[in-house]
Amino acid sequence: MTDTLDWRARRWATTHQRIYDTAIALFQELGFDAVNVGQIARGAEVSVPTFYAHYPSKEHLVMQLPPRRRSAPSSPRCRPTSRCGNA
């Protein structure tokens, strides 16, 4: 089972990087506004739904977002022993 998960993770990472690399190349060649998601998907040899499975929009390809941790809560929580901003 672990081998299957590792293979899927590697495949996902490879596809993710290929989409990114293709998009950046197209943005450099044609300009950001001239490129649409269909062109990026076609160049990366994926479907448009696959593009959206990896990136919510083409803007997300160039935005510098902090990495998301799946286990992190959606909002900060205080522990009973922490001060959480209250003196």
N, C-alpha and C. Protein backbone atom coordinates (compact mmCIF):
# COMPACT_ATOMS: atom_id res chain seq x y z
N MET A 1 0.82 -1.19 0.00
CA MET A 1 0.00 0.00 0.00
C MET A 1 0.87 1.26 0.00
N THR A 2 1.95 1.26 0.78
CA THR A 2 2.84 2.41 0.85
C THR A 2 3.47 2.70 -0.51
N ASP A 3 3.83 1.64 -1.25
CA ASP A 3 4.40 1.84 -2.58
C ASP A 3 3.41 2.55 -3.49
N THR A 4 2.14 2.20 -3.39
CA THR A 4 1.11 2.84 -4.20
C THR A 4 0.99 4.31 -3.84
N LEU A 5 1.00 4.63 -2.57
CA LEU A 5 0.91 6.01 -2.14
C LEU A 5 2.13 6.81 -2.58
N ASP A 6 3.31 6.21 -2.45
CA ASP A 6 4.53 6.88 -2.89
C ASP A 6 4.50 7.15 -4.39
N TRP A 7 4.04 6.18 -5.16
CA TRP A 7 3.95 6.34 -6.61
C TRP A 7 2.96 7.45 -6.95
N ARG A 8 1.83 7.46 -6.27
CA ARG A 8 0.83 8.50 -6.54
C ARG A 8 1.35 9.88 -6.14
N ALA A 9 2.04 9.95 -5.04
CA ALA A 9 2.60 11.23 -4.60
C ALA A 9 3.64 11.74 -5.60
N ARG A 10 4.48 10.85 -6.08
CA ARG A 10 5.50 11.24 -7.08
C ARG A 10 4.83 11.67 -8.38
N ARG A 11 3.81 10.93 -8.79
CA ARG A 11 3.09 11.28 -10.02
C ARG A 11 2.43 12.65 -9.88
N TRP A 12 1.78 12.89 -8.72
CA TRP A 12 1.12 14.17 -8.48
C TRP A 12 2.16 15.29 -8.51
N ALA A 13 3.29 15.09 -7.84
CA ALA A 13 4.33 16.12 -7.79
C ALA A 13 4.91 16.40 -9.17
N THR A 14 5.10 15.36 -9.96
CA THR A 14 5.62 15.53 -11.32
C THR A 14 4.64 16.32 -12.18
N THR A 15 3.37 15.97 -12.10
CA THR A 15 2.33 16.68 -12.86
C THR A 15 2.24 18.13 -12.40
N HIS A 16 2.27 18.36 -11.11
CA HIS A 16 2.20 19.70 -10.53
C HIS A 16 3.35 20.56 -11.06
N GLN A 17 4.55 20.01 -11.06
CA GLN A 17 5.71 20.75 -11.54
C GLN A 17 5.63 21.00 -13.05
N ARG A 18 5.14 20.00 -13.80
CA ARG A 18 5.03 20.16 -15.25
C ARG A 18 4.04 21.28 -15.59
N ILE A 19 2.92 21.34 -14.88
CA ILE A 19 1.95 22.41 -15.11
C ILE A 19 2.61 23.76 -14.81
N TYR A 20 3.31 23.84 -13.69
CA TYR A 20 3.97 25.09 -13.30
C TYR A 20 5.00 25.51 -14.35
N ASP A 21 5.87 24.60 -14.74
CA ASP A 21 6.92 24.92 -15.71
C ASP A 21 6.33 25.37 -17.04
N THR A 22 5.28 24.69 -17.48
CA THR A 22 4.62 25.06 -18.74
C THR A 22 4.02 26.45 -18.64
N ALA A 23 3.34 26.71 -17.54
CA ALA A 23 2.71 28.02 -17.36
C ALA A 23 3.74 29.14 -17.36
N ILE A 24 4.81 28.96 -16.62
CA ILE A 24 5.84 30.01 -16.55
C ILE A 24 6.44 30.25 -17.93
N ALA A 25 6.70 29.20 -18.67
CA ALA A 25 7.25 29.35 -20.03
C ALA A 25 6.27 30.12 -20.92
N LEU A 26 4.98 29.79 -20.83
CA LEU A 26 3.98 30.49 -21.64
C LEU A 26 3.85 31.95 -21.21
N PHE A 27 3.88 32.20 -19.91
CA PHE A 27 3.79 33.58 -19.42
C PHE A 27 4.96 34.41 -19.93
N GLN A 28 6.15 33.82 -19.93
CA GLN A 28 7.34 34.53 -20.41
C GLN A 28 7.26 34.79 -21.91
N GLU A 29 6.72 33.82 -22.64
CA GLU A 29 6.65 33.94 -24.10
C GLU A 29 5.55 34.88 -24.56
N LEU A 30 4.34 34.71 -23.97
CA LEU A 30 3.17 35.42 -24.47
C LEU A 30 2.65 36.52 -23.55
N GLY A 31 3.07 36.50 -22.31
CA GLY A 31 2.54 37.45 -21.33
C GLY A 31 1.42 36.79 -20.52
N PHE A 32 1.35 37.16 -19.26
CA PHE A 32 0.39 36.54 -18.35
C PHE A 32 -1.05 36.66 -18.84
N ASP A 33 -1.45 37.86 -19.23
CA ASP A 33 -2.85 38.09 -19.64
C ASP A 33 -3.22 37.38 -20.94
N ALA A 34 -2.26 37.07 -21.77
CA ALA A 34 -2.54 36.43 -23.06
C ALA A 34 -2.69 34.92 -22.95
N VAL A 35 -2.34 34.36 -21.81
CA VAL A 35 -2.38 32.90 -21.63
C VAL A 35 -3.62 32.51 -20.85
N ASN A 36 -4.32 31.48 -21.33
CA ASN A 36 -5.47 30.98 -20.57
C ASN A 36 -5.18 29.58 -20.04
N VAL A 37 -6.04 29.13 -19.16
CA VAL A 37 -5.85 27.83 -18.51
C VAL A 37 -5.83 26.69 -19.52
N GLY A 38 -6.65 26.79 -20.56
CA GLY A 38 -6.66 25.76 -21.60
C GLY A 38 -5.31 25.61 -22.28
N GLN A 39 -4.64 26.73 -22.54
CA GLN A 39 -3.32 26.68 -23.16
C GLN A 39 -2.30 26.04 -22.22
N ILE A 40 -2.38 26.37 -20.96
CA ILE A 40 -1.46 25.78 -19.98
C ILE A 40 -1.70 24.27 -19.91
N ALA A 41 -2.95 23.87 -19.80
CA ALA A 41 -3.28 22.44 -19.71
C ALA A 41 -2.80 21.70 -20.95
N ARG A 42 -3.07 22.26 -22.11
CA ARG A 42 -2.66 21.63 -23.36
C ARG A 42 -1.13 21.48 -23.42
N GLY A 43 -0.42 22.53 -23.07
CA GLY A 43 1.04 22.50 -23.09
C GLY A 43 1.63 21.50 -22.10
N ALA A 44 0.95 21.35 -20.95
CA ALA A 44 1.42 20.41 -19.93
C ALA A 44 0.90 19.00 -20.16
N GLU A 45 0.09 18.82 -21.21
CA GLU A 45 -0.50 17.53 -21.56
C GLU A 45 -1.37 16.97 -20.44
N VAL A 46 -2.21 17.87 -19.88
CA VAL A 46 -3.21 17.46 -18.89
C VAL A 46 -4.54 18.06 -19.30
N SER A 47 -5.60 17.59 -18.67
CA SER A 47 -6.91 18.16 -18.93
C SER A 47 -7.09 19.43 -18.10
N VAL A 48 -8.06 20.25 -18.49
CA VAL A 48 -8.37 21.45 -17.72
C VAL A 48 -8.79 21.08 -16.29
N PRO A 49 -9.65 20.05 -16.10
CA PRO A 49 -9.95 19.67 -14.71
C PRO A 49 -8.72 19.25 -13.91
N THR A 50 -7.74 18.63 -14.56
CA THR A 50 -6.51 18.28 -13.85
C THR A 50 -5.75 19.53 -13.46
N PHE A 51 -5.72 20.52 -14.34
CA PHE A 51 -5.10 21.79 -13.97
C PHE A 51 -5.73 22.32 -12.69
N TYR A 52 -7.06 22.35 -12.65
CA TYR A 52 -7.76 22.89 -11.48
C TYR A 52 -7.62 22.00 -10.25
N ALA A 53 -7.30 20.74 -10.42
CA ALA A 53 -7.03 19.88 -9.27
C ALA A 53 -5.70 20.26 -8.62
N HIS A 54 -4.83 20.89 -9.39
CA HIS A 54 -3.51 21.28 -8.88
C HIS A 54 -3.44 22.75 -8.49
N TYR A 55 -4.15 23.60 -9.20
CA TYR A 55 -4.12 25.05 -8.95
C TYR A 55 -5.54 25.60 -9.06
N PRO A 56 -5.98 26.42 -8.10
CA PRO A 56 -7.33 26.99 -8.17
C PRO A 56 -7.52 27.96 -9.34
N SER A 57 -6.43 28.58 -9.79
CA SER A 57 -6.50 29.52 -10.91
C SER A 57 -5.08 29.74 -11.45
N LYS A 58 -4.99 30.39 -12.58
CA LYS A 58 -3.65 30.66 -13.12
C LYS A 58 -2.91 31.65 -12.24
N GLU A 59 -3.63 32.50 -11.53
CA GLU A 59 -3.00 33.45 -10.63
C GLU A 59 -2.23 32.74 -9.51
N HIS A 60 -2.73 31.59 -9.10
CA HIS A 60 -2.07 30.84 -8.04
C HIS A 60 -0.71 30.27 -8.47
N LEU A 61 -0.47 30.22 -9.75
CA LEU A 61 0.83 29.76 -10.23
C LEU A 61 1.93 30.77 -9.91
N VAL A 62 1.58 32.03 -9.83
CA VAL A 62 2.61 33.05 -9.63
C VAL A 62 2.55 33.70 -8.26
N MET A 63 1.52 33.42 -7.51
CA MET A 63 1.41 33.98 -6.15
C MET A 63 2.35 33.23 -5.22
N GLN A 64 2.96 33.95 -4.33
CA GLN A 64 3.83 33.34 -3.33
C GLN A 64 3.00 33.12 -2.08
N LEU A 65 2.44 31.94 -1.94
CA LEU A 65 1.63 31.59 -0.79
C LEU A 65 2.43 30.72 0.16
N PRO A 66 2.21 30.89 1.45
CA PRO A 66 2.88 29.97 2.37
C PRO A 66 2.34 28.57 2.18
N PRO A 67 3.16 27.56 2.38
CA PRO A 67 2.68 26.19 2.20
C PRO A 67 1.56 25.87 3.20
N ARG A 68 0.57 25.16 2.72
CA ARG A 68 -0.55 24.76 3.58
C ARG A 68 -0.23 23.45 4.24
N ARG A 69 -0.52 23.38 5.50
CA ARG A 69 -0.36 22.12 6.22
C ARG A 69 -1.75 21.54 6.41
N ARG A 70 -1.93 20.34 5.92
CA ARG A 70 -3.25 19.72 5.99
C ARG A 70 -3.72 19.51 7.43
N SER A 71 -2.80 19.33 8.36
CA SER A 71 -3.19 19.06 9.73
C SER A 71 -3.42 20.33 10.53
N ALA A 72 -3.09 21.50 9.96
CA ALA A 72 -3.25 22.74 10.70
C ALA A 72 -4.71 23.12 10.82
N PRO A 73 -5.12 23.64 11.96
CA PRO A 73 -6.51 24.09 12.10
C PRO A 73 -6.77 25.29 11.21
N SER A 74 -8.03 25.51 10.86
CA SER A 74 -8.37 26.61 9.97
C SER A 74 -8.22 27.96 10.64
N SER A 75 -8.27 28.00 11.97
CA SER A 75 -8.03 29.24 12.69
C SER A 75 -7.16 28.93 13.90
N PRO A 76 -6.37 29.90 14.31
CA PRO A 76 -5.49 29.64 15.46
C PRO A 76 -6.32 29.34 16.70
N ARG A 77 -5.85 28.42 17.47
CA ARG A 77 -6.52 28.08 18.71
C ARG A 77 -5.55 28.28 19.86
N CYS A 78 -6.07 28.66 20.96
CA CYS A 78 -5.25 28.88 22.15
C CYS A 78 -5.30 27.65 23.03
N ARG A 79 -4.17 27.38 23.63
CA ARG A 79 -4.14 26.33 24.63
C ARG A 79 -4.52 26.94 25.97
N PRO A 80 -5.06 26.17 26.84
CA PRO A 80 -5.46 26.73 28.14
C PRO A 80 -4.31 27.39 28.87
N THR A 81 -3.08 26.95 28.63
CA THR A 81 -1.95 27.52 29.36
C THR A 81 -1.29 28.69 28.65
N SER A 82 -1.73 29.03 27.44
CA SER A 82 -1.11 30.13 26.72
C SER A 82 -1.86 31.42 26.98
N ARG A 83 -1.19 32.51 26.68
CA ARG A 83 -1.80 33.82 26.95
C ARG A 83 -2.68 34.29 25.80
N CYS A 84 -2.39 33.91 24.57
CA CYS A 84 -3.19 34.24 23.38
C CYS A 84 -3.49 35.73 23.25
N GLY A 85 -2.52 36.56 23.55
CA GLY A 85 -2.71 37.98 23.35
C GLY A 85 -3.34 38.69 24.55
N ASN A 86 -3.80 37.97 25.53
CA ASN A 86 -4.38 38.60 26.71
C ASN A 86 -3.34 38.63 27.81
N ALA A 87 -3.16 39.79 28.42
CA ALA A 87 -2.15 39.91 29.48
C ALA A 87 -2.64 39.36 30.79
